[in-house]
């Protein structure tokens, strides 16, 4: 039933030329806000991996690598400003929630790999903007998403370590020290 509702919603969005991405997110938020059952989430969670794989596959197929050199400074600025924006927003949110200083400083690094919505918006922008502009926007966002996914896991791990959320690894004891400890 939920899949039928999603398909209907996406069809309506296509006919009305509005964002299916935002409509589906709104539908999910509404379901949650009005006390939706967790069992439905668990059922859908097992069903979504092929759909996500198809989404990222189709997004990657739309990436025109020949446009990247012409993106130049705009692409680099987008990549850096998005990270800075996430760091500033996370720090502000953590400060408003009165989180400890290490969490405020490091939370933004943990958000670097999150790029799913931006990919969806890139695809939407490519459809809405005329020719070269839409293709350039998509190339910048999609190539940045690839970079975020490359640096993101390291950034998230660093964020968890620096904030104190993960225990620090124990230092390895040198063989000579190990013999001394045993004596």
N, C-alpha and C. Protein backbone atom coordinates (compact mmCIF):
# COMPACT_ATOMS: atom_id res chain seq x y z
N UNK A 1 0.82 -1.20 0.00
CA UNK A 1 0.00 0.00 0.00
C UNK A 1 0.87 1.26 0.00
N UNK A 2 1.94 1.20 0.82
CA UNK A 2 2.82 2.36 0.88
C UNK A 2 3.50 2.61 -0.46
N UNK A 3 3.94 1.55 -1.12
CA UNK A 3 4.58 1.70 -2.43
C UNK A 3 3.61 2.31 -3.44
N UNK A 4 2.35 1.91 -3.38
CA UNK A 4 1.34 2.49 -4.27
C UNK A 4 1.18 3.97 -3.98
N UNK A 5 1.16 4.34 -2.70
CA UNK A 5 1.06 5.77 -2.32
C UNK A 5 2.27 6.55 -2.81
N UNK A 6 3.45 5.97 -2.68
CA UNK A 6 4.67 6.65 -3.14
C UNK A 6 4.65 6.85 -4.65
N UNK A 7 4.25 5.82 -5.37
CA UNK A 7 4.19 5.93 -6.83
C UNK A 7 3.15 6.96 -7.25
N UNK A 8 2.00 6.97 -6.58
CA UNK A 8 0.97 7.97 -6.86
C UNK A 8 1.49 9.37 -6.57
N UNK A 9 2.15 9.54 -5.43
CA UNK A 9 2.71 10.85 -5.06
C UNK A 9 3.73 11.31 -6.09
N UNK A 10 4.62 10.43 -6.50
CA UNK A 10 5.63 10.79 -7.50
C UNK A 10 4.99 11.12 -8.85
N UNK A 11 3.96 10.38 -9.22
CA UNK A 11 3.24 10.68 -10.46
C UNK A 11 2.58 12.04 -10.41
N UNK A 12 1.95 12.36 -9.28
CA UNK A 12 1.33 13.68 -9.12
C UNK A 12 2.38 14.79 -9.17
N UNK A 13 3.51 14.55 -8.52
CA UNK A 13 4.58 15.55 -8.54
C UNK A 13 5.09 15.78 -9.96
N UNK A 14 5.22 14.70 -10.71
CA UNK A 14 5.65 14.83 -12.10
C UNK A 14 4.65 15.62 -12.92
N UNK A 15 3.36 15.37 -12.72
CA UNK A 15 2.32 16.07 -13.48
C UNK A 15 2.25 17.55 -13.09
N UNK A 16 2.49 17.84 -11.81
CA UNK A 16 2.42 19.22 -11.34
C UNK A 16 3.76 19.95 -11.40
N UNK A 17 4.78 19.23 -11.84
CA UNK A 17 6.14 19.78 -11.97
C UNK A 17 6.66 20.32 -10.63
N UNK A 18 6.48 19.53 -9.58
CA UNK A 18 7.06 19.86 -8.29
C UNK A 18 8.01 18.74 -7.89
N UNK A 19 8.82 18.98 -6.89
CA UNK A 19 9.87 18.05 -6.52
C UNK A 19 9.31 16.78 -5.85
N UNK A 20 9.49 15.62 -6.48
CA UNK A 20 9.07 14.38 -5.82
C UNK A 20 9.94 14.07 -4.60
N UNK A 21 11.17 14.51 -4.63
CA UNK A 21 12.08 14.29 -3.51
C UNK A 21 11.53 14.95 -2.24
N UNK A 22 11.18 16.21 -2.35
CA UNK A 22 10.66 16.93 -1.18
C UNK A 22 9.29 16.41 -0.76
N UNK A 23 8.48 16.03 -1.73
CA UNK A 23 7.15 15.50 -1.40
C UNK A 23 7.27 14.18 -0.65
N UNK A 24 8.17 13.31 -1.09
CA UNK A 24 8.36 12.03 -0.40
C UNK A 24 8.95 12.23 0.99
N UNK A 25 9.87 13.18 1.12
CA UNK A 25 10.41 13.47 2.45
C UNK A 25 9.31 14.01 3.36
N UNK A 26 8.46 14.86 2.81
CA UNK A 26 7.34 15.38 3.58
C UNK A 26 6.38 14.29 3.99
N UNK A 27 6.15 13.34 3.10
CA UNK A 27 5.26 12.22 3.42
C UNK A 27 5.85 11.39 4.56
N UNK A 28 7.15 11.12 4.50
CA UNK A 28 7.81 10.35 5.56
C UNK A 28 7.79 11.08 6.89
N UNK A 29 8.04 12.37 6.85
CA UNK A 29 8.03 13.17 8.09
C UNK A 29 6.63 13.21 8.69
N UNK A 30 5.62 13.33 7.83
CA UNK A 30 4.23 13.34 8.32
C UNK A 30 3.87 12.00 8.95
N UNK A 31 4.27 10.93 8.31
CA UNK A 31 3.98 9.59 8.84
C UNK A 31 4.60 9.44 10.23
N UNK A 32 5.84 9.88 10.35
CA UNK A 32 6.54 9.80 11.64
C UNK A 32 5.89 10.68 12.69
N UNK A 33 5.55 11.90 12.30
CA UNK A 33 5.00 12.87 13.25
C UNK A 33 3.64 12.44 13.79
N UNK A 34 2.88 11.71 12.98
CA UNK A 34 1.55 11.29 13.42
C UNK A 34 1.55 9.87 13.98
N UNK A 35 2.72 9.45 14.51
CA UNK A 35 2.80 8.19 15.24
C UNK A 35 2.80 6.95 14.38
N UNK A 36 3.46 7.01 13.23
CA UNK A 36 3.55 5.85 12.35
C UNK A 36 4.24 4.67 13.02
N UNK A 37 3.88 3.48 12.62
CA UNK A 37 4.43 2.27 13.22
C UNK A 37 5.86 2.02 12.75
N UNK A 38 6.71 1.62 13.68
CA UNK A 38 8.11 1.32 13.37
C UNK A 38 8.22 0.06 12.53
N UNK A 39 7.26 -0.84 12.60
CA UNK A 39 7.33 -2.09 11.85
C UNK A 39 7.33 -1.82 10.35
N UNK A 40 6.63 -0.78 9.91
CA UNK A 40 6.61 -0.43 8.49
C UNK A 40 8.00 0.02 8.05
N UNK A 41 8.65 0.80 8.90
CA UNK A 41 10.02 1.23 8.59
C UNK A 41 10.94 0.03 8.43
N UNK A 42 10.82 -0.93 9.33
CA UNK A 42 11.67 -2.13 9.27
C UNK A 42 11.41 -2.93 8.00
N UNK A 43 10.15 -3.01 7.58
CA UNK A 43 9.82 -3.73 6.36
C UNK A 43 10.42 -3.03 5.14
N UNK A 44 10.29 -1.72 5.09
CA UNK A 44 10.81 -0.96 3.96
C UNK A 44 12.33 -0.93 3.94
N UNK A 45 12.93 -0.96 5.12
CA UNK A 45 14.39 -0.90 5.21
C UNK A 45 15.04 -2.08 4.50
N UNK A 46 14.41 -3.24 4.51
CA UNK A 46 14.95 -4.39 3.80
C UNK A 46 14.72 -4.31 2.30
N UNK A 47 13.81 -3.45 1.87
CA UNK A 47 13.44 -3.35 0.47
C UNK A 47 14.19 -2.24 -0.27
N UNK A 48 14.75 -1.28 0.46
CA UNK A 48 15.31 -0.07 -0.17
C UNK A 48 16.69 -0.21 -0.81
N UNK A 49 17.59 -1.13 -0.38
CA UNK A 49 18.92 -1.13 -1.00
C UNK A 49 18.95 -1.19 -2.52
N UNK A 50 18.14 -2.02 -3.19
CA UNK A 50 18.19 -1.99 -4.66
C UNK A 50 17.72 -0.66 -5.25
N UNK A 51 16.75 -0.04 -4.59
CA UNK A 51 16.26 1.25 -5.09
C UNK A 51 17.33 2.32 -4.92
N UNK A 52 18.02 2.32 -3.78
CA UNK A 52 19.11 3.28 -3.57
C UNK A 52 20.24 3.05 -4.57
N UNK A 53 20.56 1.79 -4.80
CA UNK A 53 21.62 1.48 -5.78
C UNK A 53 21.23 2.00 -7.16
N UNK A 54 19.99 1.81 -7.54
CA UNK A 54 19.52 2.30 -8.84
C UNK A 54 19.56 3.83 -8.90
N UNK A 55 19.18 4.48 -7.80
CA UNK A 55 19.21 5.95 -7.73
C UNK A 55 20.63 6.47 -7.95
N UNK A 56 21.61 5.88 -7.23
CA UNK A 56 22.98 6.34 -7.37
C UNK A 56 23.57 5.96 -8.73
N UNK A 57 23.17 4.82 -9.27
CA UNK A 57 23.63 4.40 -10.59
C UNK A 57 23.15 5.39 -11.65
N UNK A 58 21.87 5.71 -11.62
CA UNK A 58 21.32 6.65 -12.59
C UNK A 58 21.92 8.05 -12.43
N UNK A 59 22.16 8.45 -11.19
CA UNK A 59 22.79 9.75 -10.94
C UNK A 59 24.20 9.78 -11.52
N UNK A 60 24.95 8.72 -11.28
CA UNK A 60 26.32 8.65 -11.81
C UNK A 60 26.35 8.63 -13.33
N UNK A 61 25.36 7.99 -13.93
CA UNK A 61 25.30 7.94 -15.39
C UNK A 61 25.07 9.33 -15.98
N UNK A 62 24.45 10.22 -15.19
CA UNK A 62 24.19 11.57 -15.66
C UNK A 62 25.36 12.52 -15.49
N UNK A 63 26.45 12.05 -14.89
CA UNK A 63 27.62 12.91 -14.66
C UNK A 63 28.43 13.05 -15.94
N UNK A 64 28.56 14.26 -16.41
CA UNK A 64 29.34 14.56 -17.62
C UNK A 64 30.72 15.03 -17.19
N UNK A 65 31.69 14.12 -17.23
CA UNK A 65 33.05 14.43 -16.76
C UNK A 65 33.75 15.49 -17.60
N UNK A 66 33.32 15.67 -18.83
CA UNK A 66 33.95 16.68 -19.69
C UNK A 66 33.64 18.09 -19.21
N UNK A 67 32.61 18.27 -18.40
CA UNK A 67 32.26 19.59 -17.90
C UNK A 67 33.07 19.99 -16.66
N UNK A 68 33.71 19.03 -16.02
CA UNK A 68 34.43 19.33 -14.77
C UNK A 68 35.51 20.39 -14.91
N UNK A 69 36.37 20.33 -15.94
CA UNK A 69 37.39 21.39 -16.03
C UNK A 69 36.79 22.80 -16.15
N UNK A 70 35.64 22.92 -16.79
CA UNK A 70 35.04 24.25 -16.93
C UNK A 70 34.35 24.69 -15.63
N UNK A 71 34.08 23.76 -14.73
CA UNK A 71 33.47 24.12 -13.44
C UNK A 71 34.48 24.86 -12.57
N UNK A 72 35.74 24.44 -12.63
CA UNK A 72 36.85 25.12 -11.97
C UNK A 72 36.59 25.61 -10.57
N UNK A 73 36.74 26.92 -10.39
CA UNK A 73 36.64 27.55 -9.07
C UNK A 73 35.25 27.41 -8.47
N UNK A 74 34.23 27.41 -9.30
CA UNK A 74 32.87 27.26 -8.78
C UNK A 74 32.72 25.89 -8.12
N UNK A 75 33.23 24.86 -8.75
CA UNK A 75 33.17 23.52 -8.20
C UNK A 75 33.95 23.39 -6.91
N UNK A 76 35.14 23.95 -6.89
CA UNK A 76 35.97 23.90 -5.67
C UNK A 76 35.30 24.69 -4.55
N UNK A 77 34.76 25.87 -4.89
CA UNK A 77 34.07 26.69 -3.89
C UNK A 77 32.85 25.95 -3.33
N UNK A 78 32.09 25.30 -4.21
CA UNK A 78 30.92 24.55 -3.75
C UNK A 78 31.35 23.46 -2.77
N UNK A 79 32.38 22.71 -3.12
CA UNK A 79 32.86 21.62 -2.28
C UNK A 79 33.24 22.14 -0.89
N UNK A 80 34.02 23.20 -0.83
CA UNK A 80 34.50 23.74 0.45
C UNK A 80 33.41 24.45 1.25
N UNK A 81 32.59 25.25 0.57
CA UNK A 81 31.55 26.02 1.27
C UNK A 81 30.50 25.08 1.85
N UNK A 82 30.21 23.98 1.16
CA UNK A 82 29.23 23.03 1.69
C UNK A 82 29.75 22.40 3.00
N UNK A 83 31.03 22.06 3.02
CA UNK A 83 31.62 21.51 4.25
C UNK A 83 31.60 22.55 5.37
N UNK A 84 32.01 23.78 5.05
CA UNK A 84 32.00 24.84 6.05
C UNK A 84 30.58 25.12 6.56
N UNK A 85 29.61 25.09 5.67
CA UNK A 85 28.22 25.30 6.06
C UNK A 85 27.72 24.21 7.00
N UNK A 86 28.09 22.98 6.70
CA UNK A 86 27.69 21.88 7.58
C UNK A 86 28.34 22.02 8.95
N UNK A 87 29.62 22.41 8.96
CA UNK A 87 30.32 22.57 10.23
C UNK A 87 29.72 23.71 11.05
N UNK A 88 29.43 24.83 10.39
CA UNK A 88 28.85 25.98 11.11
C UNK A 88 27.44 25.66 11.60
N UNK A 89 26.63 25.04 10.75
CA UNK A 89 25.27 24.70 11.15
C UNK A 89 25.23 23.69 12.29
N UNK A 90 26.10 22.69 12.20
CA UNK A 90 26.15 21.68 13.27
C UNK A 90 26.63 22.29 14.58
N UNK A 91 27.63 23.18 14.50
CA UNK A 91 28.13 23.83 15.71
C UNK A 91 27.05 24.70 16.34
N UNK A 92 26.31 25.43 15.51
CA UNK A 92 25.24 26.27 16.02
C UNK A 92 24.14 25.42 16.65
N UNK A 93 23.74 24.35 15.96
CA UNK A 93 22.72 23.46 16.50
C UNK A 93 23.15 22.81 17.81
N UNK A 94 24.40 22.36 17.86
CA UNK A 94 24.91 21.74 19.08
C UNK A 94 24.99 22.76 20.22
N UNK A 95 25.35 23.99 19.89
CA UNK A 95 25.40 25.04 20.92
C UNK A 95 24.00 25.34 21.46
N UNK A 96 23.02 25.40 20.57
CA UNK A 96 21.64 25.64 21.00
C UNK A 96 21.11 24.52 21.88
N UNK A 97 21.61 23.31 21.64
CA UNK A 97 21.20 22.15 22.45
C UNK A 97 22.09 21.96 23.66
N UNK A 98 23.01 22.90 23.87
CA UNK A 98 23.93 22.88 25.01
C UNK A 98 24.76 21.61 25.09
N UNK A 99 25.26 21.18 23.93
CA UNK A 99 26.16 20.03 23.88
C UNK A 99 27.55 20.45 24.35
N UNK A 100 28.36 19.51 24.81
CA UNK A 100 29.72 19.85 25.25
C UNK A 100 30.56 20.40 24.09
N UNK A 101 31.58 21.17 24.43
CA UNK A 101 32.43 21.82 23.43
C UNK A 101 33.02 20.85 22.40
N UNK A 102 33.53 19.67 22.79
CA UNK A 102 34.08 18.77 21.77
C UNK A 102 33.04 18.35 20.72
N UNK A 103 31.80 18.17 21.15
CA UNK A 103 30.74 17.80 20.20
C UNK A 103 30.44 18.98 19.28
N UNK A 104 30.36 20.18 19.84
CA UNK A 104 30.10 21.37 19.03
C UNK A 104 31.17 21.56 17.97
N UNK A 105 32.43 21.33 18.35
CA UNK A 105 33.54 21.53 17.41
C UNK A 105 33.58 20.46 16.32
N UNK A 106 33.19 19.25 16.62
CA UNK A 106 33.45 18.12 15.72
C UNK A 106 32.24 17.56 15.00
N UNK A 107 31.05 17.94 15.37
CA UNK A 107 29.85 17.36 14.78
C UNK A 107 29.78 17.56 13.27
N UNK A 108 30.16 18.71 12.80
CA UNK A 108 30.10 19.01 11.37
C UNK A 108 30.92 18.07 10.51
N UNK A 109 32.08 17.63 11.03
CA UNK A 109 32.90 16.68 10.28
C UNK A 109 32.16 15.38 10.04
N UNK A 110 31.32 14.99 10.97
CA UNK A 110 30.56 13.75 10.82
C UNK A 110 29.47 13.85 9.76
N UNK A 111 29.13 15.06 9.35
CA UNK A 111 28.09 15.24 8.35
C UNK A 111 28.63 15.32 6.92
N UNK A 112 29.92 15.35 6.74
CA UNK A 112 30.51 15.52 5.41
C UNK A 112 30.02 14.47 4.41
N UNK A 113 29.94 13.19 4.77
CA UNK A 113 29.56 12.22 3.74
C UNK A 113 28.09 12.25 3.34
N UNK A 114 27.25 13.01 4.00
CA UNK A 114 25.83 13.01 3.69
C UNK A 114 25.57 13.82 2.42
N UNK A 115 25.26 13.13 1.32
CA UNK A 115 25.08 13.83 0.05
C UNK A 115 23.86 13.35 -0.73
N UNK A 116 23.03 12.49 -0.18
CA UNK A 116 21.91 11.92 -0.91
C UNK A 116 20.91 12.95 -1.40
N UNK A 117 20.51 13.88 -0.54
CA UNK A 117 19.53 14.88 -0.95
C UNK A 117 20.12 15.81 -1.99
N UNK A 118 21.40 16.16 -1.85
CA UNK A 118 22.00 17.06 -2.85
C UNK A 118 22.05 16.38 -4.22
N UNK A 119 22.23 15.06 -4.25
CA UNK A 119 22.22 14.36 -5.53
C UNK A 119 20.82 14.42 -6.13
N UNK A 120 19.81 14.21 -5.30
CA UNK A 120 18.44 14.31 -5.80
C UNK A 120 18.13 15.70 -6.32
N UNK A 121 18.61 16.72 -5.63
CA UNK A 121 18.39 18.09 -6.09
C UNK A 121 19.18 18.40 -7.35
N UNK A 122 20.35 17.77 -7.51
CA UNK A 122 21.13 17.96 -8.74
C UNK A 122 20.37 17.41 -9.94
N UNK A 123 19.77 16.25 -9.76
CA UNK A 123 18.99 15.65 -10.84
C UNK A 123 17.79 16.54 -11.17
N UNK A 124 17.12 17.05 -10.13
CA UNK A 124 15.99 17.95 -10.33
C UNK A 124 16.44 19.24 -11.02
N UNK A 125 17.57 19.80 -10.58
CA UNK A 125 18.09 21.02 -11.19
C UNK A 125 18.45 20.82 -12.65
N UNK A 126 18.98 19.66 -12.96
CA UNK A 126 19.35 19.38 -14.35
C UNK A 126 18.11 19.33 -15.23
N UNK A 127 17.01 18.85 -14.68
CA UNK A 127 15.77 18.80 -15.47
C UNK A 127 15.16 20.19 -15.62
N UNK A 128 15.32 21.04 -14.60
CA UNK A 128 14.64 22.33 -14.60
C UNK A 128 15.43 23.44 -15.30
N UNK A 129 16.76 23.39 -15.21
CA UNK A 129 17.58 24.44 -15.81
C UNK A 129 17.84 24.12 -17.29
N UNK A 130 17.97 25.15 -18.10
CA UNK A 130 18.19 24.92 -19.52
C UNK A 130 19.59 24.36 -19.83
N UNK A 131 19.65 23.44 -20.75
CA UNK A 131 20.84 22.84 -21.33
C UNK A 131 22.11 22.81 -20.51
N UNK A 132 23.05 23.67 -20.90
CA UNK A 132 24.40 23.67 -20.31
C UNK A 132 24.40 24.02 -18.83
N UNK A 133 23.52 24.92 -18.40
CA UNK A 133 23.47 25.30 -16.98
C UNK A 133 23.09 24.13 -16.09
N UNK A 134 22.07 23.38 -16.51
CA UNK A 134 21.64 22.22 -15.74
C UNK A 134 22.70 21.14 -15.71
N UNK A 135 23.36 20.92 -16.84
CA UNK A 135 24.41 19.91 -16.90
C UNK A 135 25.60 20.32 -16.03
N UNK A 136 25.94 21.61 -16.01
CA UNK A 136 27.05 22.09 -15.19
C UNK A 136 26.72 21.95 -13.70
N UNK A 137 25.51 22.33 -13.31
CA UNK A 137 25.10 22.19 -11.92
C UNK A 137 25.18 20.73 -11.49
N UNK A 138 24.68 19.86 -12.32
CA UNK A 138 24.70 18.43 -12.01
C UNK A 138 26.13 17.92 -11.91
N UNK A 139 26.99 18.33 -12.83
CA UNK A 139 28.39 17.88 -12.80
C UNK A 139 29.09 18.32 -11.52
N UNK A 140 28.86 19.56 -11.11
CA UNK A 140 29.50 20.07 -9.89
C UNK A 140 29.01 19.30 -8.67
N UNK A 141 27.71 19.15 -8.55
CA UNK A 141 27.16 18.49 -7.36
C UNK A 141 27.51 17.01 -7.33
N UNK A 142 27.38 16.33 -8.46
CA UNK A 142 27.67 14.89 -8.49
C UNK A 142 29.15 14.59 -8.26
N UNK A 143 30.04 15.39 -8.86
CA UNK A 143 31.47 15.15 -8.64
C UNK A 143 31.85 15.47 -7.19
N UNK A 144 31.22 16.49 -6.61
CA UNK A 144 31.47 16.80 -5.21
C UNK A 144 30.97 15.67 -4.32
N UNK A 145 29.83 15.09 -4.68
CA UNK A 145 29.29 13.97 -3.89
C UNK A 145 30.27 12.80 -3.88
N UNK A 146 30.90 12.56 -5.01
CA UNK A 146 31.90 11.48 -5.07
C UNK A 146 33.06 11.81 -4.12
N UNK A 147 33.51 13.05 -4.14
CA UNK A 147 34.60 13.45 -3.24
C UNK A 147 34.17 13.35 -1.78
N UNK A 148 32.93 13.77 -1.48
CA UNK A 148 32.44 13.69 -0.09
C UNK A 148 32.42 12.24 0.38
N UNK A 149 32.03 11.34 -0.50
CA UNK A 149 31.98 9.93 -0.11
C UNK A 149 33.38 9.34 0.04
N UNK A 150 34.36 9.95 -0.62
CA UNK A 150 35.74 9.47 -0.47
C UNK A 150 36.36 9.97 0.83
N UNK A 151 36.14 11.23 1.17
CA UNK A 151 36.74 11.79 2.39
C UNK A 151 35.81 11.65 3.59
N UNK A 152 34.54 11.37 3.34
CA UNK A 152 33.54 11.33 4.40
C UNK A 152 33.78 10.32 5.50
N UNK A 153 34.07 9.05 5.16
CA UNK A 153 34.27 8.09 6.25
C UNK A 153 35.42 8.47 7.19
N UNK A 154 36.52 8.94 6.62
CA UNK A 154 37.63 9.39 7.45
C UNK A 154 37.23 10.59 8.29
N UNK A 155 36.50 11.51 7.68
CA UNK A 155 36.03 12.70 8.38
C UNK A 155 35.08 12.33 9.52
N UNK A 156 34.17 11.40 9.27
CA UNK A 156 33.22 10.98 10.31
C UNK A 156 33.96 10.29 11.46
N UNK A 157 34.93 9.44 11.14
CA UNK A 157 35.69 8.75 12.19
C UNK A 157 36.49 9.76 13.01
N UNK A 158 37.10 10.72 12.32
CA UNK A 158 37.86 11.76 13.00
C UNK A 158 36.94 12.56 13.93
N UNK A 159 35.75 12.87 13.45
CA UNK A 159 34.78 13.60 14.25
C UNK A 159 34.43 12.84 15.53
N UNK A 160 34.19 11.55 15.41
CA UNK A 160 33.84 10.74 16.58
C UNK A 160 35.01 10.65 17.57
N UNK A 161 36.21 10.53 17.05
CA UNK A 161 37.39 10.45 17.93
C UNK A 161 37.63 11.79 18.64
N UNK A 162 37.62 12.89 17.88
CA UNK A 162 37.91 14.20 18.46
C UNK A 162 36.85 14.64 19.46
N UNK A 163 35.61 14.21 19.25
CA UNK A 163 34.55 14.61 20.18
C UNK A 163 34.54 13.76 21.44
N UNK A 164 35.34 12.68 21.45
CA UNK A 164 35.37 11.81 22.61
C UNK A 164 34.29 10.75 22.59
N UNK A 165 33.57 10.63 21.49
CA UNK A 165 32.49 9.64 21.39
C UNK A 165 33.02 8.23 21.16
N UNK A 166 34.21 8.12 20.60
CA UNK A 166 34.87 6.82 20.42
C UNK A 166 36.07 6.77 21.34
N UNK A 167 36.33 5.62 21.93
CA UNK A 167 37.52 5.53 22.77
C UNK A 167 38.79 5.64 21.92
N UNK A 168 39.79 6.26 22.49
CA UNK A 168 41.07 6.38 21.80
C UNK A 168 41.73 5.00 21.74
N UNK A 169 42.38 4.68 20.62
CA UNK A 169 43.04 3.36 20.54
C UNK A 169 44.19 3.30 21.54
N UNK A 170 44.36 2.14 22.13
CA UNK A 170 45.46 1.96 23.07
C UNK A 170 46.77 1.92 22.29
N UNK A 171 47.77 2.57 22.84
CA UNK A 171 49.07 2.61 22.18
C UNK A 171 49.68 1.21 22.23
N UNK A 172 50.26 0.83 21.13
CA UNK A 172 50.92 -0.48 21.08
C UNK A 172 52.18 -0.44 21.92
N UNK A 173 52.41 -1.48 22.67
CA UNK A 173 53.61 -1.55 23.52
C UNK A 173 54.74 -2.13 22.68
N UNK A 174 55.86 -1.46 22.69
CA UNK A 174 57.03 -1.94 21.94
C UNK A 174 57.50 -3.26 22.53
N UNK A 175 58.09 -4.17 21.73
CA UNK A 175 58.54 -5.48 22.23
C UNK A 175 59.46 -5.39 23.44
N UNK A 176 60.38 -4.42 23.48
CA UNK A 176 61.30 -4.29 24.60
C UNK A 176 60.53 -3.92 25.88
N UNK A 177 59.51 -3.04 25.73
CA UNK A 177 58.68 -2.66 26.87
C UNK A 177 57.85 -3.83 27.37
N UNK A 178 57.37 -4.65 26.44
CA UNK A 178 56.55 -5.81 26.80
C UNK A 178 57.34 -6.78 27.67
N UNK A 179 58.63 -6.98 27.32
CA UNK A 179 59.50 -7.87 28.12
C UNK A 179 59.71 -7.28 29.50
N UNK A 180 59.88 -5.95 29.57
CA UNK A 180 60.08 -5.28 30.85
C UNK A 180 58.83 -5.39 31.73
N UNK A 181 57.63 -5.30 31.10
CA UNK A 181 56.37 -5.41 31.84
C UNK A 181 56.20 -6.82 32.41
N UNK A 182 56.67 -7.83 31.67
CA UNK A 182 56.50 -9.21 32.11
C UNK A 182 57.45 -9.56 33.25
N UNK A 183 58.58 -8.88 33.35
CA UNK A 183 59.58 -9.19 34.38
C UNK A 183 59.19 -8.73 35.75
